[in-house]
N, C-alpha and C. Protein backbone atom coordinates (compact mmCIF):
# COMPACT_ATOMS: atom_id res chain seq x y z
N MET A 1 -15.56 -13.04 6.79
CA MET A 1 -14.69 -12.21 7.59
C MET A 1 -15.32 -10.82 7.70
N SER A 2 -15.37 -10.27 8.87
CA SER A 2 -16.00 -8.97 9.06
C SER A 2 -15.03 -7.84 8.76
N ARG A 3 -15.56 -6.64 8.64
CA ARG A 3 -14.74 -5.45 8.40
C ARG A 3 -13.72 -5.26 9.53
N GLU A 4 -14.15 -5.56 10.77
CA GLU A 4 -13.24 -5.41 11.91
C GLU A 4 -12.03 -6.33 11.77
N ASP A 5 -12.25 -7.55 11.25
CA ASP A 5 -11.14 -8.47 11.04
C ASP A 5 -10.16 -7.91 10.01
N HIS A 6 -10.68 -7.30 8.96
CA HIS A 6 -9.83 -6.71 7.94
C HIS A 6 -9.05 -5.54 8.51
N ASP A 7 -9.73 -4.67 9.24
CA ASP A 7 -9.11 -3.46 9.76
C ASP A 7 -8.07 -3.73 10.83
N SER A 8 -8.12 -4.89 11.48
CA SER A 8 -7.18 -5.18 12.56
C SER A 8 -5.75 -5.30 12.04
N ASP A 9 -5.57 -5.59 10.76
CA ASP A 9 -4.24 -5.71 10.17
C ASP A 9 -3.67 -4.37 9.71
N ILE A 10 -4.49 -3.34 9.72
CA ILE A 10 -4.09 -2.06 9.16
C ILE A 10 -3.83 -1.07 10.28
N GLU A 11 -2.69 -0.38 10.20
CA GLU A 11 -2.38 0.66 11.17
C GLU A 11 -2.90 1.98 10.63
N PHE A 12 -3.78 2.62 11.39
CA PHE A 12 -4.31 3.90 10.96
C PHE A 12 -3.44 5.02 11.50
N PRO A 13 -3.28 6.09 10.72
CA PRO A 13 -2.43 7.21 11.15
C PRO A 13 -3.05 7.97 12.31
N SER A 14 -2.18 8.61 13.08
CA SER A 14 -2.66 9.44 14.18
C SER A 14 -3.22 10.74 13.62
N ALA A 15 -3.88 11.52 14.47
CA ALA A 15 -4.45 12.80 14.04
C ALA A 15 -3.35 13.74 13.54
N GLU A 16 -2.19 13.72 14.20
CA GLU A 16 -1.07 14.58 13.77
C GLU A 16 -0.59 14.20 12.38
N GLU A 17 -0.49 12.90 12.13
CA GLU A 17 -0.03 12.43 10.82
C GLU A 17 -1.02 12.79 9.72
N GLU A 18 -2.30 12.79 10.04
CA GLU A 18 -3.32 13.12 9.04
C GLU A 18 -3.29 14.59 8.65
N GLU A 19 -2.83 15.46 9.53
CA GLU A 19 -2.85 16.90 9.27
C GLU A 19 -1.78 17.33 8.27
N ARG A 20 -0.69 16.62 8.22
CA ARG A 20 0.38 17.02 7.30
C ARG A 20 0.38 16.12 6.07
N PRO A 21 0.85 16.65 4.95
CA PRO A 21 0.93 15.82 3.73
C PRO A 21 1.97 14.71 3.91
N LEU A 22 1.73 13.60 3.27
CA LEU A 22 2.67 12.49 3.33
C LEU A 22 3.88 12.76 2.45
N THR A 23 5.03 12.31 2.89
CA THR A 23 6.20 12.34 2.02
C THR A 23 6.06 11.20 1.02
N HIS A 24 6.86 11.23 -0.02
CA HIS A 24 6.83 10.16 -1.02
C HIS A 24 7.13 8.82 -0.36
N THR A 25 8.10 8.79 0.54
CA THR A 25 8.48 7.55 1.21
C THR A 25 7.34 7.02 2.07
N GLU A 26 6.68 7.90 2.82
CA GLU A 26 5.56 7.48 3.66
C GLU A 26 4.41 6.93 2.82
N LEU A 27 4.13 7.59 1.71
CA LEU A 27 3.08 7.13 0.81
C LEU A 27 3.41 5.74 0.28
N HIS A 28 4.66 5.57 -0.15
CA HIS A 28 5.11 4.27 -0.66
C HIS A 28 4.95 3.19 0.41
N GLU A 29 5.38 3.49 1.64
CA GLU A 29 5.29 2.51 2.73
C GLU A 29 3.84 2.12 3.00
N ARG A 30 2.94 3.09 3.00
CA ARG A 30 1.52 2.79 3.26
C ARG A 30 0.93 1.93 2.16
N ILE A 31 1.26 2.25 0.92
CA ILE A 31 0.74 1.45 -0.19
C ILE A 31 1.25 0.02 -0.11
N MET A 32 2.54 -0.14 0.14
CA MET A 32 3.11 -1.48 0.20
C MET A 32 2.54 -2.28 1.38
N LYS A 33 2.31 -1.63 2.52
CA LYS A 33 1.69 -2.32 3.66
C LYS A 33 0.31 -2.82 3.28
N GLY A 34 -0.46 -1.96 2.62
CA GLY A 34 -1.80 -2.34 2.20
C GLY A 34 -1.79 -3.50 1.22
N VAL A 35 -0.85 -3.48 0.29
CA VAL A 35 -0.74 -4.56 -0.68
C VAL A 35 -0.38 -5.87 0.02
N LYS A 36 0.57 -5.81 0.94
CA LYS A 36 0.98 -7.03 1.65
C LYS A 36 -0.17 -7.60 2.47
N VAL A 37 -0.93 -6.73 3.13
CA VAL A 37 -2.09 -7.20 3.90
C VAL A 37 -3.09 -7.86 2.97
N ASN A 38 -3.34 -7.25 1.83
CA ASN A 38 -4.30 -7.81 0.87
C ASN A 38 -3.81 -9.13 0.29
N MET A 39 -2.50 -9.27 0.09
CA MET A 39 -1.96 -10.51 -0.48
C MET A 39 -2.21 -11.69 0.45
N LYS A 40 -2.27 -11.46 1.75
CA LYS A 40 -2.53 -12.54 2.70
C LYS A 40 -3.94 -13.10 2.53
N ARG A 41 -4.83 -12.30 1.99
CA ARG A 41 -6.25 -12.65 1.96
C ARG A 41 -6.74 -13.19 0.62
N HIS A 42 -5.92 -13.17 -0.40
CA HIS A 42 -6.42 -13.49 -1.74
C HIS A 42 -5.87 -14.81 -2.25
N THR A 43 -6.53 -15.31 -3.29
CA THR A 43 -6.13 -16.56 -3.93
C THR A 43 -4.90 -16.33 -4.80
N ILE A 44 -4.34 -17.41 -5.31
CA ILE A 44 -3.12 -17.34 -6.12
C ILE A 44 -3.26 -16.42 -7.33
N PRO A 45 -4.32 -16.52 -8.16
CA PRO A 45 -4.42 -15.60 -9.31
C PRO A 45 -4.46 -14.13 -8.88
N ASN A 46 -5.16 -13.85 -7.78
CA ASN A 46 -5.21 -12.48 -7.31
C ASN A 46 -3.86 -12.03 -6.76
N ARG A 47 -3.12 -12.93 -6.16
CA ARG A 47 -1.77 -12.58 -5.67
C ARG A 47 -0.87 -12.21 -6.84
N LEU A 48 -1.00 -12.93 -7.94
CA LEU A 48 -0.20 -12.62 -9.13
C LEU A 48 -0.54 -11.21 -9.61
N LEU A 49 -1.82 -10.90 -9.66
CA LEU A 49 -2.24 -9.57 -10.09
C LEU A 49 -1.71 -8.50 -9.13
N LEU A 50 -1.79 -8.75 -7.83
CA LEU A 50 -1.28 -7.78 -6.85
C LEU A 50 0.23 -7.60 -7.01
N THR A 51 0.94 -8.69 -7.28
CA THR A 51 2.39 -8.60 -7.49
C THR A 51 2.69 -7.75 -8.72
N GLN A 52 1.92 -7.94 -9.78
CA GLN A 52 2.10 -7.13 -10.98
C GLN A 52 1.81 -5.66 -10.69
N CYS A 53 0.80 -5.40 -9.89
CA CYS A 53 0.48 -4.02 -9.51
C CYS A 53 1.62 -3.40 -8.70
N MET A 54 2.20 -4.19 -7.79
CA MET A 54 3.33 -3.70 -7.00
C MET A 54 4.51 -3.35 -7.92
N ASP A 55 4.77 -4.22 -8.89
CA ASP A 55 5.86 -3.96 -9.83
C ASP A 55 5.60 -2.70 -10.64
N MET A 56 4.36 -2.52 -11.09
CA MET A 56 4.01 -1.33 -11.86
C MET A 56 4.15 -0.08 -11.00
N TYR A 57 3.71 -0.15 -9.74
CA TYR A 57 3.84 0.99 -8.84
C TYR A 57 5.31 1.34 -8.64
N ALA A 58 6.15 0.33 -8.43
CA ALA A 58 7.58 0.58 -8.23
C ALA A 58 8.18 1.25 -9.46
N HIS A 59 7.78 0.79 -10.64
CA HIS A 59 8.28 1.38 -11.88
C HIS A 59 7.83 2.84 -12.00
N LEU A 60 6.54 3.09 -11.78
CA LEU A 60 6.02 4.46 -11.90
C LEU A 60 6.60 5.37 -10.82
N SER A 61 6.80 4.82 -9.65
CA SER A 61 7.37 5.60 -8.55
C SER A 61 8.79 6.03 -8.88
N ALA A 62 9.58 5.10 -9.40
CA ALA A 62 10.96 5.42 -9.78
C ALA A 62 10.97 6.46 -10.90
N HIS A 63 10.06 6.32 -11.85
CA HIS A 63 9.96 7.26 -12.96
C HIS A 63 9.58 8.65 -12.44
N ALA A 64 8.65 8.71 -11.50
CA ALA A 64 8.20 10.00 -10.95
C ALA A 64 9.32 10.69 -10.20
N GLU A 65 10.15 9.94 -9.48
CA GLU A 65 11.24 10.53 -8.72
C GLU A 65 12.27 11.19 -9.63
N THR A 66 12.45 10.66 -10.82
CA THR A 66 13.45 11.23 -11.73
C THR A 66 12.91 12.42 -12.51
N HIS A 67 11.58 12.58 -12.54
CA HIS A 67 11.00 13.65 -13.35
C HIS A 67 10.36 14.77 -12.55
N PHE A 68 10.25 14.63 -11.24
CA PHE A 68 9.60 15.68 -10.45
C PHE A 68 10.49 16.19 -9.36
């Protein structure tokens, strides 16, 4: 699979979006989109690892919201 095939699943931000910092929600949405795209391409053991990473991110994200 070529790089172009991989990139076709990913929405890149516009120039305006790149100029401003991301909100926490936008960052979360981008990370989750990337994880979901990657899950489509990997084998079962890698999907399990990605799922665990998503769970860890959700936990850390919730923790960060309560402390910052």
